[in-house]
Protein backbone atom coordinates (compact mmCIF):
# COMPACT_ATOMS: atom_id res chain seq x y z
CA MET A 1 118.28 -182.32 65.32
CA THR A 2 121.76 -182.49 63.74
CA MET A 3 124.25 -180.10 65.26
CA LYS A 4 125.67 -177.55 62.84
CA LYS A 5 129.39 -177.62 62.12
CA LEU A 6 131.93 -174.88 61.52
CA ILE A 7 134.09 -175.73 58.50
CA GLU A 8 137.57 -174.25 58.00
CA VAL A 9 139.64 -175.28 54.97
CA TYR A 10 143.33 -174.37 54.62
CA ASN A 11 146.16 -174.95 52.17
CA GLY A 12 147.62 -178.42 52.46
CA ILE A 13 149.91 -180.16 49.99
CA ASN A 14 147.57 -178.62 47.44
CA LYS A 15 146.44 -174.97 47.41
CA THR A 16 142.84 -173.95 48.09
CA TYR A 17 143.18 -171.51 45.17
CA TYR A 18 142.98 -174.39 42.69
CA CYS A 19 139.83 -175.72 44.39
CA ARG A 20 138.14 -172.36 44.91
CA TYR A 21 135.18 -173.02 42.62
CA ASP A 22 134.37 -176.34 44.31
CA LEU A 23 134.76 -174.83 47.79
CA ASN A 24 132.47 -171.99 46.81
CA ALA A 25 129.95 -174.52 45.50
CA PHE A 26 129.99 -176.15 48.95
CA GLY A 27 128.84 -172.80 50.35
CA LEU A 28 132.20 -171.80 51.80
CA SER A 29 133.60 -168.30 51.52
CA PHE A 30 137.20 -167.07 51.56
CA LYS A 31 138.44 -165.15 54.59
CA LYS A 32 141.85 -163.46 54.71
CA THR A 33 143.93 -164.25 57.80
CA GLY A 34 147.08 -162.39 56.73
CA LYS A 35 148.63 -160.47 53.86
CA TYR A 36 149.31 -163.64 51.89
CA SER A 37 147.16 -166.19 53.70
CA GLY A 38 143.55 -167.10 54.21
CA LYS A 39 141.05 -169.89 54.73
CA TRP A 40 137.66 -170.99 53.46
CA VAL A 41 134.94 -170.98 56.09
CA GLY A 42 131.28 -171.86 56.34
CA LYS A 43 128.63 -173.73 58.28
CA ALA A 44 127.05 -177.03 57.35
CA ASP A 45 125.08 -179.96 58.71
CA GLU A 46 126.89 -183.21 59.48
CA ASP A 47 126.29 -184.86 56.08
CA LYS A 48 127.58 -181.86 54.15
CA ALA A 49 130.51 -181.50 56.56
CA ASN A 50 131.49 -185.12 55.91
CA ALA A 51 131.27 -184.53 52.15
CA ILE A 52 133.56 -181.50 52.46
CA LYS A 53 135.98 -183.51 54.60
CA GLU A 54 136.15 -186.29 51.99
CA TYR A 55 136.70 -183.71 49.25
CA CYS A 56 139.56 -182.09 51.20
CA ILE A 57 141.25 -185.43 51.90
CA LYS A 58 140.98 -186.36 48.23
CA ASN A 59 142.39 -183.00 47.12
CA LYS A 60 145.09 -182.82 49.82
CA LEU A 61 143.71 -179.81 51.66
CA ARG A 62 143.67 -179.31 55.43
CA VAL A 63 140.24 -179.12 57.02
CA ASN A 64 139.07 -178.41 60.54
CA ILE A 65 135.47 -179.28 61.48
CA THR A 66 134.06 -178.15 64.83
CA ASP A 67 130.62 -178.28 66.41
CA LEU A 68 129.29 -174.72 66.50
CA ALA A 69 128.59 -175.27 70.20
CA TYR A 70 132.36 -175.29 70.73
CA THR A 71 133.18 -172.07 68.88
CA ARG A 72 133.19 -168.52 70.23
CA ALA A 73 129.73 -166.94 70.17
CA HIS A 74 129.33 -163.28 69.23
CA ASN A 75 127.28 -162.50 72.35
CA TYR A 76 129.18 -164.32 75.12
CA ARG A 77 130.03 -161.03 76.87
CA GLU A 78 126.34 -160.13 77.08
CA VAL A 79 125.55 -163.64 78.36
CA TYR A 80 128.08 -163.19 81.17
CA PHE A 81 126.69 -159.86 82.38
CA GLU A 82 123.10 -161.09 82.16
CA ASN A 83 123.96 -163.83 84.66
CA ASN A 84 126.51 -162.05 86.88
CA LYS A 85 125.50 -158.86 88.63
CA GLY A 86 128.85 -157.87 90.15
CA ILE A 87 130.10 -157.87 93.74
CA PHE A 88 129.06 -154.37 94.87
CA GLY A 89 128.34 -150.84 93.64
CA ASP A 90 125.03 -151.78 92.00
CA GLY A 91 126.78 -154.19 89.67
CA ARG A 92 129.44 -151.73 88.55
CA TYR A 93 132.33 -153.72 90.04
CA TYR A 94 133.53 -157.27 89.38
CA HIS A 95 136.61 -159.23 90.38
CA CYS A 96 139.15 -161.19 88.38
CA VAL A 97 138.76 -164.86 89.30
CA TYR A 98 142.48 -165.48 88.69
CA CYS A 99 144.03 -162.76 90.89
CA GLY A 100 141.17 -161.12 92.80
CA LYS A 101 141.68 -157.66 91.29
CA ILE A 102 138.55 -155.48 91.48
CA LEU A 103 137.48 -154.15 88.08
CA LYS A 104 134.95 -151.66 86.81
CA LYS A 105 132.44 -153.23 84.45
CA ASP A 106 133.93 -151.55 81.37
CA LYS A 107 137.37 -152.98 82.24
CA VAL A 108 136.17 -156.59 82.52
CA THR A 109 137.54 -159.14 80.09
CA VAL A 110 135.10 -162.05 79.83
CA ASP A 111 137.12 -165.26 79.63
CA HIS A 112 136.14 -168.78 78.64
CA PHE A 113 137.17 -170.60 81.84
CA PHE A 114 137.68 -173.86 79.93
CA PRO A 115 139.53 -172.57 76.83
CA ILE A 116 137.95 -172.82 73.38
CA ASN A 117 141.18 -174.16 71.87
CA LYS A 118 141.03 -177.13 74.24
CA VAL A 119 137.91 -178.35 72.44
CA LYS A 120 138.59 -176.92 69.00
CA ASN A 121 142.24 -177.30 68.01
CA SER A 122 143.61 -179.71 70.61
CA PRO A 123 144.53 -183.33 69.75
CA TYR A 124 142.56 -184.16 72.91
CA SER A 125 139.42 -182.32 71.78
CA SER A 126 137.11 -185.32 72.10
CA ILE A 127 138.35 -186.05 75.65
CA ASN A 128 137.92 -182.41 76.67
CA ILE A 129 134.41 -182.29 75.21
CA ARG A 130 133.44 -185.38 77.20
CA LEU A 131 134.90 -183.74 80.32
CA LEU A 132 132.78 -180.63 79.77
CA LYS A 133 129.67 -182.74 79.27
CA LYS A 134 130.28 -184.45 82.63
CA PHE A 135 129.84 -180.99 84.18
CA GLY A 136 126.65 -180.51 82.18
CA ILE A 137 128.21 -178.03 79.75
CA GLU A 138 127.09 -178.72 76.18
CA ASP A 139 128.16 -175.32 74.82
CA ILE A 140 131.53 -173.63 75.34
CA ASN A 141 129.66 -170.32 75.70
CA ASP A 142 127.51 -171.67 78.54
CA LYS A 143 127.13 -169.11 81.36
CA ARG A 144 128.91 -171.55 83.70
CA ASN A 145 132.02 -171.42 81.50
CA LEU A 146 132.26 -167.62 81.41
CA VAL A 147 134.27 -165.78 84.07
CA CYS A 148 135.58 -162.30 84.80
CA ALA A 149 139.29 -161.71 84.20
CA CYS A 150 141.59 -158.72 84.19
CA LYS A 151 143.44 -158.01 80.95
CA SER A 152 146.76 -159.21 82.35
CA CYS A 153 145.47 -162.57 83.63
CA ASN A 154 143.45 -163.20 80.48
CA SER A 155 146.56 -162.61 78.37
CA SER A 156 148.76 -164.80 80.60
CA LYS A 157 146.24 -167.64 80.79
CA GLY A 158 145.52 -167.83 77.06
CA SER A 159 144.50 -171.41 76.35
CA LYS A 160 146.32 -172.89 79.36
CA GLY A 161 144.66 -175.27 81.80
CA GLY A 162 146.19 -176.79 84.93
CA ILE A 163 146.72 -174.36 87.81
CA TRP A 164 144.77 -171.66 85.97
CA LEU A 165 141.64 -173.80 86.14
CA VAL A 166 142.16 -174.36 89.87
CA ARG A 167 142.67 -170.63 90.50
CA GLY A 168 139.68 -169.75 88.36
CA TYR A 169 137.39 -172.27 90.01
CA LEU A 170 138.23 -171.20 93.57
CA GLY A 171 138.57 -167.55 92.61
CA ARG A 172 134.92 -167.25 91.63
CA PHE A 173 134.22 -166.85 95.35
CA PHE A 174 135.26 -163.29 96.18
CA ILE A 175 135.38 -164.02 99.92
CA LEU A 176 138.34 -166.35 99.31
CA TRP A 177 140.32 -163.49 97.77
CA VAL A 178 139.42 -161.27 100.74
CA LEU A 179 140.75 -163.96 103.10
CA PHE A 180 143.85 -164.55 100.97
CA TYR A 181 144.90 -160.89 100.87
CA THR A 182 144.01 -160.37 104.54
CA LEU A 183 146.31 -163.25 105.52
CA LEU A 184 148.99 -162.05 103.10
CA LEU A 185 148.98 -158.57 104.65
CA TYR A 186 149.02 -160.09 108.13
CA PHE A 187 152.12 -162.19 107.42
CA ILE A 188 153.89 -159.34 105.63
CA GLY A 189 153.19 -157.08 108.60
CA TYR A 190 154.31 -159.76 111.04
CA TYR A 191 157.65 -160.32 109.31
CA LEU A 192 158.26 -156.57 108.89
CA ILE A 193 157.76 -156.07 112.63
CA TYR A 194 159.98 -159.09 113.36
CA ALA A 195 162.70 -157.76 111.04
CA PHE A 196 162.45 -154.29 112.58
CA ASN A 197 162.77 -155.68 116.12
CA CYS A 198 165.83 -157.69 115.09
CA PHE A 199 167.37 -154.60 113.51
CA ILE A 200 167.00 -152.33 116.57
CA LYS A 201 168.36 -154.88 119.07
């Protein structure tokens, strides 16, 4: 079965306005993205997507074509909670995988661990998709790619990779955060006592 594609057409050297009837005939619809900007979007099979791409190249329009499996699903939050029951409190509490903060369920931000933009808008999209497939992830909204984040960490991480991926991978295990903060408090206490002893001598 051919995988469906998400089509997004933008102004290029030419304006989409002058091609609006053809774009509409392809089954695309106009979506405003700002006061004076917008794009044409739709879904198509591979053959139709290729035809739209050829049309856009010919008419000097920008086009972005993405497998639907690598776009944000409308129900990814529900998918996360169906497969993650929380750490305690009958599933009412979760923890941010990036900082260990404990969150009530209604404060959880569900994050795509491997960012969508890495497989959608990155010049290395094909490499990143192959990397995901090596981990058995064929869909960016796979339950294995969804993690709990606090609002602050989710905002700071954005579409970054690197150390955020390391923190997120290790941080899934709540016990590691317990150990981390226990050791942190121990060393803070140790140095406070040491500093106090030095001060009173």
